[in-house]
Amino acid sequence: MTLTIKQKVTETGPATVEVVIKLPDESIFREVYHNGNLVFPAFVSLRKVLQHYKKTEIAVITTSEPLAREYNYEHQNPNARLLMELNKIIARNGLTVSVEYVQ
């Protein structure tokens, strides 16, 4: 059974980003990030959520085009720290993750 996680990344002000993630049990994970860009919050919030799942197939639907593009790129950059940290959690917890970008 595939679980679906819906991530919405929104710039709410100058260098302020809100991330809202709807979890499979209908609960909401919400964080606000300051003094950054749209990429960091997308990766960090997803990592925080995924660390609680073990041996599960998860479909992530996100409004973060950079996250989806970097995760799905055929030749992932091994030096991309945010991606590396996300992939560590996925591997360590035995997850199978797909990421789809939606506007």
C-alpha atoms as a PDB file:
ATOM      1  CA  MET A   1       0.000   0.000   0.000  1.00  0.00           C
ATOM      2  CA  THR A   2       1.379   3.394  -1.013  1.00  0.00           C
ATOM      3  CA  LEU A   3       0.974   6.283   1.408  1.00  0.00           C
ATOM      4  CA  THR A   4       0.529   9.779  -0.008  1.00  0.00           C
ATOM      5  CA  ILE A   5       2.098  12.884   1.483  1.00  0.00           C
ATOM      6  CA  LYS A   6       1.119  16.292   0.092  1.00  0.00           C
ATOM      7  CA  GLN A   7       3.632  19.090   0.577  1.00  0.00           C
ATOM      8  CA  LYS A   8       2.799  22.733  -0.130  1.00  0.00           C
ATOM      9  CA  VAL A   9       5.683  25.209  -0.097  1.00  0.00           C
ATOM     10  CA  THR A  10       4.635  28.870  -0.103  1.00  0.00           C
ATOM     11  CA  GLU A  11       6.640  32.083   0.039  1.00  0.00           C
ATOM     12  CA  THR A  12       4.700  34.150   2.566  1.00  0.00           C
ATOM     13  CA  GLY A  13       6.971  37.199   2.719  1.00  0.00           C
ATOM     14  CA  PRO A  14      10.498  38.395   2.041  1.00  0.00           C
ATOM     15  CA  ALA A  15      12.760  35.383   2.752  1.00  0.00           C
ATOM     16  CA  THR A  16       9.903  33.699   4.647  1.00  0.00           C
ATOM     17  CA  VAL A  17       8.571  30.308   3.575  1.00  0.00           C
ATOM     18  CA  GLU A  18       5.726  28.267   5.010  1.00  0.00           C
ATOM     19  CA  VAL A  19       5.609  24.518   4.473  1.00  0.00           C
ATOM     20  CA  VAL A  20       2.409  22.589   5.097  1.00  0.00           C
ATOM     21  CA  ILE A  21       2.466  18.805   4.758  1.00  0.00           C
ATOM     22  CA  LYS A  22      -0.708  16.756   4.843  1.00  0.00           C
ATOM     23  CA  LEU A  23       0.131  13.311   6.185  1.00  0.00           C
ATOM     24  CA  PRO A  24      -1.623  10.038   5.313  1.00  0.00           C
ATOM     25  CA  ASP A  25      -3.546  10.070   8.618  1.00  0.00           C
ATOM     26  CA  GLU A  26      -4.911  13.544   7.693  1.00  0.00           C
ATOM     27  CA  SER A  27      -2.773  15.277  10.324  1.00  0.00           C
ATOM     28  CA  ILE A  28      -0.859  18.413   9.334  1.00  0.00           C
ATOM     29  CA  PHE A  29       2.847  19.181   9.742  1.00  0.00           C
ATOM     30  CA  ARG A  30       3.497  22.924   9.447  1.00  0.00           C
ATOM     31  CA  GLU A  31       6.680  24.962   9.770  1.00  0.00           C
ATOM     32  CA  VAL A  32       7.725  28.493   8.887  1.00  0.00           C
ATOM     33  CA  TYR A  33      11.300  29.158   7.777  1.00  0.00           C
ATOM     34  CA  HIS A  34      12.926  32.590   7.854  1.00  0.00           C
ATOM     35  CA  ASN A  35      15.925  34.075   6.048  1.00  0.00           C
ATOM     36  CA  GLY A  36      16.081  31.462   3.322  1.00  0.00           C
ATOM     37  CA  ASN A  37      14.956  30.355  -0.072  1.00  0.00           C
ATOM     38  CA  LEU A  38      12.267  27.947  -1.281  1.00  0.00           C
ATOM     39  CA  VAL A  39      14.588  24.948  -1.639  1.00  0.00           C
ATOM     40  CA  PHE A  40      15.885  24.448   1.912  1.00  0.00           C
ATOM     41  CA  PRO A  41      12.429  24.313   3.585  1.00  0.00           C
ATOM     42  CA  ALA A  42      11.132  21.797   1.030  1.00  0.00           C
ATOM     43  CA  PHE A  43      13.955  19.329   1.668  1.00  0.00           C
ATOM     44  CA  VAL A  44      14.220  19.795   5.438  1.00  0.00           C
ATOM     45  CA  SER A  45      10.488  19.524   6.131  1.00  0.00           C
ATOM     46  CA  LEU A  46      10.174  16.390   3.999  1.00  0.00           C
ATOM     47  CA  ARG A  47      13.150  14.842   5.765  1.00  0.00           C
ATOM     48  CA  LYS A  48      11.570  15.571   9.160  1.00  0.00           C
ATOM     49  CA  VAL A  49       8.348  13.868   8.119  1.00  0.00           C
ATOM     50  CA  LEU A  50       9.893  10.832   6.401  1.00  0.00           C
ATOM     51  CA  GLN A  51      12.100   9.954   9.371  1.00  0.00           C
ATOM     52  CA  HIS A  52       9.008   8.632  11.178  1.00  0.00           C
ATOM     53  CA  TYR A  53       8.189   5.990   8.540  1.00  0.00           C
ATOM     54  CA  LYS A  54       9.827   2.574   8.181  1.00  0.00           C
ATOM     55  CA  LYS A  55       9.746   0.100   5.263  1.00  0.00           C
ATOM     56  CA  THR A  56       6.944   1.937   3.478  1.00  0.00           C
ATOM     57  CA  GLU A  57       6.195   3.084  -0.050  1.00  0.00           C
ATOM     58  CA  ILE A  58       5.457   6.814  -0.089  1.00  0.00           C
ATOM     59  CA  ALA A  59       4.255   9.065  -2.903  1.00  0.00           C
ATOM     60  CA  VAL A  60       5.154  12.694  -2.287  1.00  0.00           C
ATOM     61  CA  ILE A  61       3.169  15.326  -4.150  1.00  0.00           C
ATOM     62  CA  THR A  62       4.862  18.708  -3.830  1.00  0.00           C
ATOM     63  CA  THR A  63       4.580  22.270  -5.065  1.00  0.00           C
ATOM     64  CA  SER A  64       8.383  22.505  -4.900  1.00  0.00           C
ATOM     65  CA  GLU A  65       9.655  22.165  -8.432  1.00  0.00           C
ATOM     66  CA  PRO A  66      13.329  22.292  -7.317  1.00  0.00           C
ATOM     67  CA  LEU A  67      12.778  19.395  -4.884  1.00  0.00           C
ATOM     68  CA  ALA A  68      11.038  17.226  -7.483  1.00  0.00           C
ATOM     69  CA  ARG A  69      13.542  18.079 -10.204  1.00  0.00           C
ATOM     70  CA  GLU A  70      16.595  17.361  -8.042  1.00  0.00           C
ATOM     71  CA  TYR A  71      15.159  14.169  -6.540  1.00  0.00           C
ATOM     72  CA  ASN A  72      14.047  12.769  -9.898  1.00  0.00           C
ATOM     73  CA  TYR A  73      17.129  13.783 -11.888  1.00  0.00           C
ATOM     74  CA  GLU A  74      18.709  10.705 -13.447  1.00  0.00           C
ATOM     75  CA  HIS A  75      22.223  11.775 -12.435  1.00  0.00           C
ATOM     76  CA  GLN A  76      21.752  13.015  -8.881  1.00  0.00           C
ATOM     77  CA  ASN A  77      24.552  15.258  -7.658  1.00  0.00           C
ATOM     78  CA  PRO A  78      26.371  13.327  -4.897  1.00  0.00           C
ATOM     79  CA  ASN A  79      27.551  16.652  -3.442  1.00  0.00           C
ATOM     80  CA  ALA A  80      24.062  18.112  -3.013  1.00  0.00           C
ATOM     81  CA  ARG A  81      23.861  18.069   0.779  1.00  0.00           C
ATOM     82  CA  LEU A  82      20.095  18.460   1.170  1.00  0.00           C
ATOM     83  CA  LEU A  83      19.451  15.647  -1.294  1.00  0.00           C
ATOM     84  CA  MET A  84      22.129  13.509   0.348  1.00  0.00           C
ATOM     85  CA  GLU A  85      20.502  13.917   3.776  1.00  0.00           C
ATOM     86  CA  LEU A  86      17.068  13.089   2.369  1.00  0.00           C
ATOM     87  CA  ASN A  87      18.416   9.979   0.623  1.00  0.00           C
ATOM     88  CA  LYS A  88      20.119   8.853   3.867  1.00  0.00           C
ATOM     89  CA  ILE A  89      16.787   8.839   5.697  1.00  0.00           C
ATOM     90  CA  ILE A  90      15.089   7.037   2.826  1.00  0.00           C
ATOM     91  CA  ALA A  91      17.798   4.334   2.727  1.00  0.00           C
ATOM     92  CA  ARG A  92      18.144   3.982   6.498  1.00  0.00           C
ATOM     93  CA  ASN A  93      14.388   3.540   6.975  1.00  0.00           C
ATOM     94  CA  GLY A  94      13.906   1.202   3.992  1.00  0.00           C
ATOM     95  CA  LEU A  95      11.542   3.585   2.207  1.00  0.00           C
ATOM     96  CA  THR A  96      10.539   3.626  -1.435  1.00  0.00           C
ATOM     97  CA  VAL A  97       9.765   7.240  -2.326  1.00  0.00           C
ATOM     98  CA  SER A  98       8.449   8.899  -5.462  1.00  0.00           C
ATOM     99  CA  VAL A  99       8.239  12.684  -5.800  1.00  0.00           C
ATOM    100  CA  GLU A 100       5.820  14.420  -8.156  1.00  0.00           C
ATOM    101  CA  TYR A 101       5.645  18.143  -8.786  1.00  0.00           C
ATOM    102  CA  VAL A 102       2.233  19.833  -9.104  1.00  0.00           C
ATOM    103  CA  GLN A 103       1.578  23.531  -9.448  1.00  0.00           C
END
